[in-house]
Amino acid sequence: MIKTLTYLFIFCLSLNGLAQELNCKVSVSSTPSFSPTANDLEILKDLENNLTDFMNNTTWTSDVYEIEERINCNISIIVKEKNGNDGFGGQIQIQSSRPVFNTSYNTTVFNHIDQDFDFVYLRNTTLIFSIDRFRSNLTSILAFYAYMILGYDYDSFSPEGGTAHFNTAQQIANNAKHLQGSGWDPNKRGPRNTRYYIVDNALHSLFSPLRDVYYKYHRLGFDMMYNDIDKARTIVLQCINSLERIKRSRPNSINLQVFFNSKSDELISLFSQAEYRQKNTAVQVLVRLDPSNASKYQEIL
């Protein structure tokens, strides 16, 4: 009996040592123009707590994570308007990072602001999500970005390692694409920057160079900085330059925008320490591929 209890105690300890995949901080706020009522503020606070539990306590994969292996991420929701009695509209920003080997530095892997964030929420609502069917816009959006975070994180550790997670994100997008005019709509007018296209591009063969960059940039570049920083910096520059093919074919791709939104400040810091010739080359490449940040890249010089 004592032996049985001992094994049970050890088993419980092992379960307590395991963790879900995400270590996610969620914040919900509103713009000054929204002027929420006291009841709205209580609802948004309840939403913040509920989403924190949803992101951190959902088991997203079959992989086993230790607590220290969880993916650090932040979700910032800004509510801009009230839609009906229980609906809200605004934006959601999703950021994730991963540690660089043998350093205390964390590199941003995913950084995206989704301006098409509409949802319905009642206080004390139980958040329900199913991979195989659409339940609500709120849980679908949060789950979609959970799998995008996982996909890019896994891509940063092994070549196209995140494919299974991108496939799941695509299934979520397909389940929601009937919502015409929404952030899921593949036929929505304007730039192809809906959630449907973010994941569709990620899985398209045309964007395979970008997924290759996610691996080489992190594993062969930043993870090797401690060993040979000059060599690692050269590899990072080669990675960035390899995105030219995508730039020519899809000059306004949302996926390239997400990449440079995540990496622009980091690249400026990295190449500011390079020798003069490499600085010039880096600026030319970065300005060509990411013209929206052209003035920022001049800081390298």
C-alpha atoms as a PDB file:
ATOM      1  CA  MET A   1       0.000   0.000   0.000  1.00  0.00           C
ATOM      2  CA  ILE A   2       2.811   2.403   0.951  1.00  0.00           C
ATOM      3  CA  LYS A   3       4.628   1.551  -2.289  1.00  0.00           C
ATOM      4  CA  THR A   4       1.452   2.242  -4.304  1.00  0.00           C
ATOM      5  CA  LEU A   5       0.981   5.610  -2.614  1.00  0.00           C
ATOM      6  CA  THR A   6       4.612   6.497  -3.293  1.00  0.00           C
ATOM      7  CA  TYR A   7       4.220   5.803  -7.020  1.00  0.00           C
ATOM      8  CA  LEU A   8       0.991   7.828  -7.077  1.00  0.00           C
ATOM      9  CA  PHE A   9       2.743  10.749  -5.356  1.00  0.00           C
ATOM     10  CA  ILE A  10       5.609  10.673  -7.861  1.00  0.00           C
ATOM     11  CA  PHE A  11       3.134  10.487 -10.763  1.00  0.00           C
ATOM     12  CA  CYS A  12       1.256  13.539  -9.480  1.00  0.00           C
ATOM     13  CA  LEU A  13       4.503  15.453  -9.100  1.00  0.00           C
ATOM     14  CA  SER A  14       5.435  14.606 -12.700  1.00  0.00           C
ATOM     15  CA  LEU A  15       2.076  15.914 -13.912  1.00  0.00           C
ATOM     16  CA  ASN A  16       2.540  19.133 -11.971  1.00  0.00           C
ATOM     17  CA  GLY A  17       5.934  19.599 -13.606  1.00  0.00           C
ATOM     18  CA  LEU A  18       4.418  19.602 -17.074  1.00  0.00           C
ATOM     19  CA  ALA A  19       2.850  22.616 -18.716  1.00  0.00           C
ATOM     20  CA  GLN A  20       0.791  23.697 -21.653  1.00  0.00           C
ATOM     21  CA  GLU A  21       2.603  25.121 -24.655  1.00  0.00           C
ATOM     22  CA  LEU A  22       2.054  28.842 -24.164  1.00  0.00           C
ATOM     23  CA  ASN A  23       3.084  31.297 -21.489  1.00  0.00           C
ATOM     24  CA  CYS A  24       0.754  34.034 -22.617  1.00  0.00           C
ATOM     25  CA  LYS A  25       0.119  37.445 -21.096  1.00  0.00           C
ATOM     26  CA  VAL A  26      -3.204  38.950 -22.168  1.00  0.00           C
ATOM     27  CA  SER A  27      -4.199  42.588 -21.767  1.00  0.00           C
ATOM     28  CA  VAL A  28      -7.535  44.143 -22.716  1.00  0.00           C
ATOM     29  CA  SER A  29      -7.921  47.921 -22.851  1.00  0.00           C
ATOM     30  CA  SER A  30      -9.972  50.502 -24.717  1.00  0.00           C
ATOM     31  CA  THR A  31      -9.348  53.697 -26.642  1.00  0.00           C
ATOM     32  CA  PRO A  32     -10.339  57.047 -25.088  1.00  0.00           C
ATOM     33  CA  SER A  33     -12.957  57.494 -27.814  1.00  0.00           C
ATOM     34  CA  PHE A  34     -14.785  54.324 -26.724  1.00  0.00           C
ATOM     35  CA  SER A  35     -15.916  55.653 -23.296  1.00  0.00           C
ATOM     36  CA  PRO A  36     -16.888  52.285 -21.778  1.00  0.00           C
ATOM     37  CA  THR A  37     -19.504  52.150 -19.042  1.00  0.00           C
ATOM     38  CA  ALA A  38     -18.698  50.684 -15.632  1.00  0.00           C
ATOM     39  CA  ASN A  39     -20.422  47.483 -16.759  1.00  0.00           C
ATOM     40  CA  ASP A  40     -18.334  47.407 -19.956  1.00  0.00           C
ATOM     41  CA  LEU A  41     -15.151  47.733 -17.891  1.00  0.00           C
ATOM     42  CA  GLU A  42     -16.172  44.803 -15.733  1.00  0.00           C
ATOM     43  CA  ILE A  43     -16.910  42.740 -18.847  1.00  0.00           C
ATOM     44  CA  LEU A  44     -13.532  43.592 -20.404  1.00  0.00           C
ATOM     45  CA  LYS A  45     -11.702  42.701 -17.186  1.00  0.00           C
ATOM     46  CA  ASP A  46     -13.531  39.399 -17.068  1.00  0.00           C
ATOM     47  CA  LEU A  47     -12.618  38.885 -20.731  1.00  0.00           C
ATOM     48  CA  GLU A  48      -8.933  39.501 -19.963  1.00  0.00           C
ATOM     49  CA  ASN A  49      -8.919  36.889 -17.192  1.00  0.00           C
ATOM     50  CA  ASN A  50     -10.914  34.395 -19.255  1.00  0.00           C
ATOM     51  CA  LEU A  51      -8.652  34.725 -22.297  1.00  0.00           C
ATOM     52  CA  THR A  52      -5.545  34.340 -20.123  1.00  0.00           C
ATOM     53  CA  ASP A  53      -6.902  31.023 -18.866  1.00  0.00           C
ATOM     54  CA  PHE A  54      -7.953  29.999 -22.371  1.00  0.00           C
ATOM     55  CA  MET A  55      -4.542  30.621 -23.922  1.00  0.00           C
ATOM     56  CA  ASN A  56      -2.483  29.146 -21.094  1.00  0.00           C
ATOM     57  CA  ASN A  57      -4.606  26.195 -20.036  1.00  0.00           C
ATOM     58  CA  THR A  58      -5.645  24.833 -23.421  1.00  0.00           C
ATOM     59  CA  THR A  59      -3.582  21.881 -24.644  1.00  0.00           C
ATOM     60  CA  TRP A  60      -2.810  22.898 -28.213  1.00  0.00           C
ATOM     61  CA  THR A  61      -0.593  19.972 -29.249  1.00  0.00           C
ATOM     62  CA  SER A  62       0.256  16.417 -28.240  1.00  0.00           C
ATOM     63  CA  ASP A  63       3.833  17.445 -27.423  1.00  0.00           C
ATOM     64  CA  VAL A  64       5.085  17.459 -23.839  1.00  0.00           C
ATOM     65  CA  TYR A  65       6.392  20.795 -22.562  1.00  0.00           C
ATOM     66  CA  GLU A  66       8.282  21.558 -19.378  1.00  0.00           C
ATOM     67  CA  ILE A  67       7.398  24.839 -17.697  1.00  0.00           C
ATOM     68  CA  GLU A  68      10.605  26.512 -18.852  1.00  0.00           C
ATOM     69  CA  GLU A  69       9.997  25.371 -22.448  1.00  0.00           C
ATOM     70  CA  ARG A  70       6.711  27.222 -22.881  1.00  0.00           C
ATOM     71  CA  ILE A  71       6.550  29.795 -25.666  1.00  0.00           C
ATOM     72  CA  ASN A  72       6.450  33.328 -24.303  1.00  0.00           C
ATOM     73  CA  CYS A  73       3.805  35.433 -26.017  1.00  0.00           C
ATOM     74  CA  ASN A  74       1.730  38.557 -25.494  1.00  0.00           C
ATOM     75  CA  ILE A  75      -1.758  39.365 -26.695  1.00  0.00           C
ATOM     76  CA  SER A  76      -2.918  42.965 -26.511  1.00  0.00           C
ATOM     77  CA  ILE A  77      -6.548  43.714 -27.308  1.00  0.00           C
ATOM     78  CA  ILE A  78      -7.709  47.288 -27.781  1.00  0.00           C
ATOM     79  CA  VAL A  79     -11.473  47.751 -27.904  1.00  0.00           C
ATOM     80  CA  LYS A  80     -12.555  50.694 -30.041  1.00  0.00           C
ATOM     81  CA  GLU A  81     -16.320  50.377 -30.226  1.00  0.00           C
ATOM     82  CA  LYS A  82     -19.429  48.623 -29.003  1.00  0.00           C
ATOM     83  CA  ASN A  83     -21.430  46.612 -31.532  1.00  0.00           C
ATOM     84  CA  GLY A  84     -24.945  46.035 -30.259  1.00  0.00           C
ATOM     85  CA  ASN A  85     -25.600  44.889 -26.701  1.00  0.00           C
ATOM     86  CA  ASP A  86     -22.838  42.303 -26.317  1.00  0.00           C
ATOM     87  CA  GLY A  87     -20.523  42.899 -29.284  1.00  0.00           C
ATOM     88  CA  PHE A  88     -17.216  44.732 -29.423  1.00  0.00           C
ATOM     89  CA  GLY A  89     -14.838  45.783 -32.166  1.00  0.00           C
ATOM     90  CA  GLY A  90     -11.178  46.717 -32.164  1.00  0.00           C
ATOM     91  CA  GLN A  91      -7.745  45.293 -32.813  1.00  0.00           C
ATOM     92  CA  ILE A  92      -5.589  42.505 -31.475  1.00  0.00           C
ATOM     93  CA  GLN A  93      -1.788  42.410 -31.441  1.00  0.00           C
ATOM     94  CA  ILE A  94      -0.005  39.085 -31.136  1.00  0.00           C
ATOM     95  CA  GLN A  95       3.682  38.777 -30.283  1.00  0.00           C
ATOM     96  CA  SER A  96       5.794  35.740 -29.532  1.00  0.00           C
ATOM     97  CA  SER A  97       9.482  35.206 -28.867  1.00  0.00           C
ATOM     98  CA  ARG A  98      11.961  32.461 -28.277  1.00  0.00           C
ATOM     99  CA  PRO A  99      15.317  32.371 -26.457  1.00  0.00           C
ATOM    100  CA  VAL A 100      18.590  32.594 -28.355  1.00  0.00           C
ATOM    101  CA  PHE A 101      20.910  29.715 -27.498  1.00  0.00           C
ATOM    102  CA  ASN A 102      23.516  30.343 -24.825  1.00  0.00           C
ATOM    103  CA  THR A 103      22.353  33.908 -24.158  1.00  0.00           C
ATOM    104  CA  SER A 104      19.754  35.732 -22.061  1.00  0.00           C
ATOM    105  CA  TYR A 105      18.370  37.366 -25.214  1.00  0.00           C
ATOM    106  CA  ASN A 106      14.894  36.616 -26.583  1.00  0.00           C
ATOM    107  CA  THR A 107      14.223  37.200 -30.273  1.00  0.00           C
ATOM    108  CA  THR A 108      10.774  38.152 -31.529  1.00  0.00           C
ATOM    109  CA  VAL A 109       9.446  35.447 -33.861  1.00  0.00           C
ATOM    110  CA  PHE A 110       5.918  36.678 -34.577  1.00  0.00           C
ATOM    111  CA  ASN A 111       4.524  40.198 -34.331  1.00  0.00           C
ATOM    112  CA  HIS A 112       1.254  41.107 -35.996  1.00  0.00           C
ATOM    113  CA  ILE A 113      -1.555  43.606 -35.498  1.00  0.00           C
ATOM    114  CA  ASP A 114      -4.943  42.388 -36.707  1.00  0.00           C
ATOM    115  CA  GLN A 115      -7.229  45.380 -37.222  1.00  0.00           C
ATOM    116  CA  ASP A 116     -10.318  43.251 -37.890  1.00  0.00           C
ATOM    117  CA  PHE A 117     -11.185  41.985 -34.426  1.00  0.00           C
ATOM    118  CA  ASP A 118     -14.935  41.743 -33.781  1.00  0.00           C
ATOM    119  CA  PHE A 119     -16.404  39.535 -31.095  1.00  0.00           C
ATOM    120  CA  VAL A 120     -19.355  38.930 -28.811  1.00  0.00           C
ATOM    121  CA  TYR A 121     -18.735  38.390 -25.126  1.00  0.00           C
ATOM    122  CA  LEU A 122     -20.903  38.020 -22.025  1.00  0.00           C
ATOM    123  CA  ARG A 123     -19.481  38.047 -18.519  1.00  0.00           C
ATOM    124  CA  ASN A 124     -18.602  34.589 -17.150  1.00  0.00           C
ATOM    125  CA  THR A 125     -18.859  33.069 -20.610  1.00  0.00           C
ATOM    126  CA  THR A 126     -17.293  29.630 -20.979  1.00  0.00           C
ATOM    127  CA  LEU A 127     -14.905  29.812 -23.939  1.00  0.00           C
ATOM    128  CA  ILE A 128     -15.385  26.787 -26.181  1.00  0.00           C
ATOM    129  CA  PHE A 129     -13.196  25.908 -29.142  1.00  0.00           C
ATOM    130  CA  SER A 130     -13.289  22.984 -31.552  1.00  0.00           C
ATOM    131  CA  ILE A 131     -10.809  22.383 -34.340  1.00  0.00           C
ATOM    132  CA  ASP A 132     -13.397  20.708 -36.551  1.00  0.00           C
ATOM    133  CA  ARG A 133     -16.177  23.313 -36.327  1.00  0.00           C
ATOM    134  CA  PHE A 134     -16.747  27.046 -35.917  1.00  0.00           C
ATOM    135  CA  ARG A 135     -17.951  27.963 -32.425  1.00  0.00           C
ATOM    136  CA  SER A 136     -17.365  31.715 -32.094  1.00  0.00           C
ATOM    137  CA  ASN A 137     -15.299  34.421 -33.703  1.00  0.00           C
ATOM    138  CA  LEU A 138     -13.528  35.117 -30.417  1.00  0.00           C
ATOM    139  CA  THR A 139     -12.233  31.615 -29.747  1.00  0.00           C
ATOM    140  CA  SER A 140     -11.506  30.987 -33.426  1.00  0.00           C
ATOM    141  CA  ILE A 141      -9.279  34.075 -33.658  1.00  0.00           C
ATOM    142  CA  LEU A 142      -7.431  33.256 -30.442  1.00  0.00           C
ATOM    143  CA  ALA A 143      -6.940  29.611 -31.426  1.00  0.00           C
ATOM    144  CA  PHE A 144      -5.870  30.612 -34.936  1.00  0.00           C
ATOM    145  CA  TYR A 145      -3.096  32.803 -33.578  1.00  0.00           C
ATOM    146  CA  ALA A 146      -2.094  30.183 -31.021  1.00  0.00           C
ATOM    147  CA  TYR A 147      -1.361  27.812 -33.899  1.00  0.00           C
ATOM    148  CA  MET A 148       0.381  30.532 -35.922  1.00  0.00           C
ATOM    149  CA  ILE A 149       2.634  31.162 -32.919  1.00  0.00           C
ATOM    150  CA  LEU A 150       3.331  27.438 -32.670  1.00  0.00           C
ATOM    151  CA  GLY A 151       3.945  27.118 -36.416  1.00  0.00           C
ATOM    152  CA  TYR A 152       6.527  29.873 -36.613  1.00  0.00           C
ATOM    153  CA  ASP A 153       8.188  28.800 -33.372  1.00  0.00           C
ATOM    154  CA  TYR A 154       8.608  25.223 -34.614  1.00  0.00           C
ATOM    155  CA  ASP A 155       9.853  26.538 -37.985  1.00  0.00           C
ATOM    156  CA  SER A 156      12.579  28.418 -36.104  1.00  0.00           C
ATOM    157  CA  PHE A 157      13.955  25.171 -34.668  1.00  0.00           C
ATOM    158  CA  SER A 158      13.683  22.776 -37.631  1.00  0.00           C
ATOM    159  CA  PRO A 159      13.101  23.179 -41.404  1.00  0.00           C
ATOM    160  CA  GLU A 160       9.338  23.608 -41.932  1.00  0.00           C
ATOM    161  CA  GLY A 161       8.826  22.094 -38.492  1.00  0.00           C
ATOM    162  CA  GLY A 162       5.615  24.038 -38.005  1.00  0.00           C
ATOM    163  CA  THR A 163       3.664  22.554 -40.922  1.00  0.00           C
ATOM    164  CA  ALA A 164       1.238  20.572 -38.755  1.00  0.00           C
ATOM    165  CA  HIS A 165       0.365  23.690 -36.765  1.00  0.00           C
ATOM    166  CA  PHE A 166      -0.106  25.807 -39.885  1.00  0.00           C
ATOM    167  CA  ASN A 167      -2.403  23.081 -41.207  1.00  0.00           C
ATOM    168  CA  THR A 168      -4.498  23.352 -38.059  1.00  0.00           C
ATOM    169  CA  ALA A 169      -4.591  27.151 -38.349  1.00  0.00           C
ATOM    170  CA  GLN A 170      -5.726  26.759 -41.953  1.00  0.00           C
ATOM    171  CA  GLN A 171      -8.513  24.406 -40.851  1.00  0.00           C
ATOM    172  CA  ILE A 172      -9.687  27.039 -38.362  1.00  0.00           C
ATOM    173  CA  ALA A 173      -9.611  29.682 -41.118  1.00  0.00           C
ATOM    174  CA  ASN A 174     -11.576  27.454 -43.480  1.00  0.00           C
ATOM    175  CA  ASN A 175     -14.199  26.837 -40.796  1.00  0.00           C
ATOM    176  CA  ALA A 176     -14.694  30.603 -40.458  1.00  0.00           C
ATOM    177  CA  LYS A 177     -14.415  31.802 -44.053  1.00  0.00           C
ATOM    178  CA  HIS A 178     -18.212  31.824 -44.425  1.00  0.00           C
ATOM    179  CA  LEU A 179     -18.175  35.092 -42.439  1.00  0.00           C
ATOM    180  CA  GLN A 180     -18.184  37.411 -45.451  1.00  0.00           C
ATOM    181  CA  GLY A 181     -16.485  40.769 -45.054  1.00  0.00           C
ATOM    182  CA  SER A 182     -14.661  39.594 -41.950  1.00  0.00           C
ATOM    183  CA  GLY A 183     -10.985  39.031 -41.227  1.00  0.00           C
ATOM    184  CA  TRP A 184     -11.453  35.463 -42.453  1.00  0.00           C
ATOM    185  CA  ASP A 185     -12.926  36.267 -45.869  1.00  0.00           C
ATOM    186  CA  PRO A 186     -10.701  35.116 -48.801  1.00  0.00           C
ATOM    187  CA  ASN A 187     -12.712  37.399 -51.103  1.00  0.00           C
ATOM    188  CA  LYS A 188     -12.665  40.520 -48.965  1.00  0.00           C
ATOM    189  CA  ARG A 189     -11.944  43.680 -50.948  1.00  0.00           C
ATOM    190  CA  GLY A 190      -8.618  45.404 -50.540  1.00  0.00           C
ATOM    191  CA  PRO A 191      -5.187  43.977 -49.630  1.00  0.00           C
ATOM    192  CA  ARG A 192      -4.906  40.242 -49.194  1.00  0.00           C
ATOM    193  CA  ASN A 193      -4.087  40.522 -45.509  1.00  0.00           C
ATOM    194  CA  THR A 194      -6.912  38.556 -43.926  1.00  0.00           C
ATOM    195  CA  ARG A 195      -6.230  35.642 -41.592  1.00  0.00           C
ATOM    196  CA  TYR A 196      -7.152  33.342 -44.465  1.00  0.00           C
ATOM    197  CA  TYR A 197      -4.197  34.610 -46.506  1.00  0.00           C
ATOM    198  CA  ILE A 198      -1.717  34.725 -43.627  1.00  0.00           C
ATOM    199  CA  VAL A 199      -1.902  30.968 -43.218  1.00  0.00           C
ATOM    200  CA  ASP A 200      -2.593  30.167 -46.888  1.00  0.00           C
ATOM    201  CA  ASN A 201       0.615  31.970 -47.827  1.00  0.00           C
ATOM    202  CA  ALA A 202       2.569  30.241 -45.081  1.00  0.00           C
ATOM    203  CA  LEU A 203       1.718  26.872 -46.627  1.00  0.00           C
ATOM    204  CA  HIS A 204       2.150  27.939 -50.267  1.00  0.00           C
ATOM    205  CA  SER A 205       5.277  26.738 -52.076  1.00  0.00           C
ATOM    206  CA  LEU A 206       6.027  30.298 -53.210  1.00  0.00           C
ATOM    207  CA  PHE A 207       6.668  31.204 -49.562  1.00  0.00           C
ATOM    208  CA  SER A 208       8.945  28.265 -48.815  1.00  0.00           C
ATOM    209  CA  PRO A 209      12.012  30.594 -48.914  1.00  0.00           C
ATOM    210  CA  LEU A 210      10.480  32.559 -46.039  1.00  0.00           C
ATOM    211  CA  ARG A 211       9.983  29.428 -43.963  1.00  0.00           C
ATOM    212  CA  ASP A 212      13.563  28.459 -44.771  1.00  0.00           C
ATOM    213  CA  VAL A 213      14.620  31.875 -43.483  1.00  0.00           C
ATOM    214  CA  TYR A 214      12.795  31.326 -40.189  1.00  0.00           C
ATOM    215  CA  TYR A 215      14.953  28.253 -39.631  1.00  0.00           C
ATOM    216  CA  LYS A 216      18.323  29.526 -40.857  1.00  0.00           C
ATOM    217  CA  TYR A 217      17.921  33.006 -39.353  1.00  0.00           C
ATOM    218  CA  HIS A 218      17.378  31.548 -35.894  1.00  0.00           C
ATOM    219  CA  ARG A 219      19.264  28.238 -35.765  1.00  0.00           C
ATOM    220  CA  LEU A 220      22.209  29.015 -38.047  1.00  0.00           C
ATOM    221  CA  GLY A 221      22.283  32.737 -37.383  1.00  0.00           C
ATOM    222  CA  PHE A 222      21.239  33.931 -33.938  1.00  0.00           C
ATOM    223  CA  ASP A 223      21.750  30.622 -32.118  1.00  0.00           C
ATOM    224  CA  MET A 224      25.363  30.672 -33.352  1.00  0.00           C
ATOM    225  CA  MET A 225      26.143  34.274 -32.370  1.00  0.00           C
ATOM    226  CA  TYR A 226      27.907  33.150 -29.195  1.00  0.00           C
ATOM    227  CA  ASN A 227      30.337  31.062 -31.265  1.00  0.00           C
ATOM    228  CA  ASP A 228      31.147  33.285 -34.285  1.00  0.00           C
ATOM    229  CA  ILE A 229      29.182  36.513 -34.496  1.00  0.00           C
ATOM    230  CA  ASP A 230      30.655  37.610 -37.842  1.00  0.00           C
ATOM    231  CA  LYS A 231      29.769  34.322 -39.524  1.00  0.00           C
ATOM    232  CA  ALA A 232      26.302  34.338 -37.974  1.00  0.00           C
ATOM    233  CA  ARG A 233      25.710  37.920 -39.110  1.00  0.00           C
ATOM    234  CA  THR A 234      26.688  36.955 -42.667  1.00  0.00           C
ATOM    235  CA  ILE A 235      24.225  34.050 -42.603  1.00  0.00           C
ATOM    236  CA  VAL A 236      21.445  36.371 -41.427  1.00  0.00           C
ATOM    237  CA  LEU A 237      22.171  38.770 -44.306  1.00  0.00           C
ATOM    238  CA  GLN A 238      22.128  35.895 -46.802  1.00  0.00           C
ATOM    239  CA  CYS A 239      18.778  34.798 -45.360  1.00  0.00           C
ATOM    240  CA  ILE A 240      17.254  38.241 -45.771  1.00  0.00           C
ATOM    241  CA  ASN A 241      18.565  38.539 -49.312  1.00  0.00           C
ATOM    242  CA  SER A 242      16.930  35.211 -50.249  1.00  0.00           C
ATOM    243  CA  LEU A 243      13.498  36.818 -49.761  1.00  0.00           C
ATOM    244  CA  GLU A 244      13.917  38.743 -53.022  1.00  0.00           C
ATOM    245  CA  ARG A 245      12.020  36.054 -54.942  1.00  0.00           C
ATOM    246  CA  ILE A 246       8.929  36.529 -52.759  1.00  0.00           C
ATOM    247  CA  LYS A 247       9.229  40.299 -52.942  1.00  0.00           C
ATOM    248  CA  ARG A 248       9.156  40.199 -56.743  1.00  0.00           C
ATOM    249  CA  SER A 249       6.167  37.839 -56.897  1.00  0.00           C
ATOM    250  CA  ARG A 250       4.164  39.152 -53.925  1.00  0.00           C
ATOM    251  CA  PRO A 251       5.472  42.668 -53.211  1.00  0.00           C
ATOM    252  CA  ASN A 252       2.780  43.480 -50.619  1.00  0.00           C
ATOM    253  CA  SER A 253       2.617  40.099 -48.959  1.00  0.00           C
ATOM    254  CA  ILE A 254       1.258  40.162 -45.415  1.00  0.00           C
ATOM    255  CA  ASN A 255       3.743  37.424 -44.484  1.00  0.00           C
ATOM    256  CA  LEU A 256       6.750  39.536 -45.418  1.00  0.00           C
ATOM    257  CA  GLN A 257       5.220  42.409 -43.458  1.00  0.00           C
ATOM    258  CA  VAL A 258       4.844  40.173 -40.403  1.00  0.00           C
ATOM    259  CA  PHE A 259       8.457  39.039 -40.705  1.00  0.00           C
ATOM    260  CA  PHE A 260       9.890  42.551 -40.905  1.00  0.00           C
ATOM    261  CA  ASN A 261       7.510  43.850 -38.218  1.00  0.00           C
ATOM    262  CA  SER A 262       9.072  41.191 -36.008  1.00  0.00           C
ATOM    263  CA  LYS A 263      12.682  41.706 -37.040  1.00  0.00           C
ATOM    264  CA  SER A 264      13.306  45.315 -38.175  1.00  0.00           C
ATOM    265  CA  ASP A 265      14.578  46.657 -34.830  1.00  0.00           C
ATOM    266  CA  GLU A 266      16.640  43.534 -34.257  1.00  0.00           C
ATOM    267  CA  LEU A 267      18.239  43.798 -37.707  1.00  0.00           C
ATOM    268  CA  ILE A 268      19.113  47.444 -37.134  1.00  0.00           C
ATOM    269  CA  SER A 269      20.840  46.529 -33.875  1.00  0.00           C
ATOM    270  CA  LEU A 270      22.638  43.565 -35.465  1.00  0.00           C
ATOM    271  CA  PHE A 271      24.055  45.347 -38.506  1.00  0.00           C
ATOM    272  CA  SER A 272      24.891  48.556 -36.676  1.00  0.00           C
ATOM    273  CA  GLN A 273      27.812  46.566 -35.254  1.00  0.00           C
ATOM    274  CA  ALA A 274      28.985  45.226 -38.652  1.00  0.00           C
ATOM    275  CA  GLU A 275      31.933  46.461 -40.678  1.00  0.00           C
ATOM    276  CA  TYR A 276      31.197  49.350 -43.043  1.00  0.00           C
ATOM    277  CA  ARG A 277      30.857  47.382 -46.284  1.00  0.00           C
ATOM    278  CA  GLN A 278      28.415  44.917 -44.748  1.00  0.00           C
ATOM    279  CA  LYS A 279      26.446  47.811 -43.253  1.00  0.00           C
ATOM    280  CA  ASN A 280      25.968  49.306 -46.720  1.00  0.00           C
ATOM    281  CA  THR A 281      24.937  45.976 -48.197  1.00  0.00           C
ATOM    282  CA  ALA A 282      22.507  45.332 -45.360  1.00  0.00           C
ATOM    283  CA  VAL A 283      20.854  48.733 -45.759  1.00  0.00           C
ATOM    284  CA  GLN A 284      20.449  48.271 -49.513  1.00  0.00           C
ATOM    285  CA  VAL A 285      18.871  44.832 -49.063  1.00  0.00           C
ATOM    286  CA  LEU A 286      16.578  45.868 -46.217  1.00  0.00           C
ATOM    287  CA  VAL A 287      15.353  49.057 -47.894  1.00  0.00           C
ATOM    288  CA  ARG A 288      14.566  47.112 -51.059  1.00  0.00           C
ATOM    289  CA  LEU A 289      12.664  44.372 -49.239  1.00  0.00           C
ATOM    290  CA  ASP A 290      11.015  46.491 -46.565  1.00  0.00           C
ATOM    291  CA  PRO A 291      10.602  50.029 -47.957  1.00  0.00           C
ATOM    292  CA  SER A 292       8.069  51.006 -45.279  1.00  0.00           C
ATOM    293  CA  ASN A 293      10.911  50.992 -42.757  1.00  0.00           C
ATOM    294  CA  ALA A 294      13.500  52.553 -45.080  1.00  0.00           C
ATOM    295  CA  SER A 295      14.163  55.562 -42.854  1.00  0.00           C
ATOM    296  CA  LYS A 296      14.695  53.304 -39.847  1.00  0.00           C
ATOM    297  CA  TYR A 297      17.289  51.212 -41.668  1.00  0.00           C
ATOM    298  CA  GLN A 298      19.382  54.315 -42.337  1.00  0.00           C
ATOM    299  CA  GLU A 299      20.183  54.214 -38.626  1.00  0.00           C
ATOM    300  CA  ILE A 300      22.512  51.294 -39.374  1.00  0.00           C
ATOM    301  CA  LEU A 301      24.885  53.705 -41.104  1.00  0.00           C
END
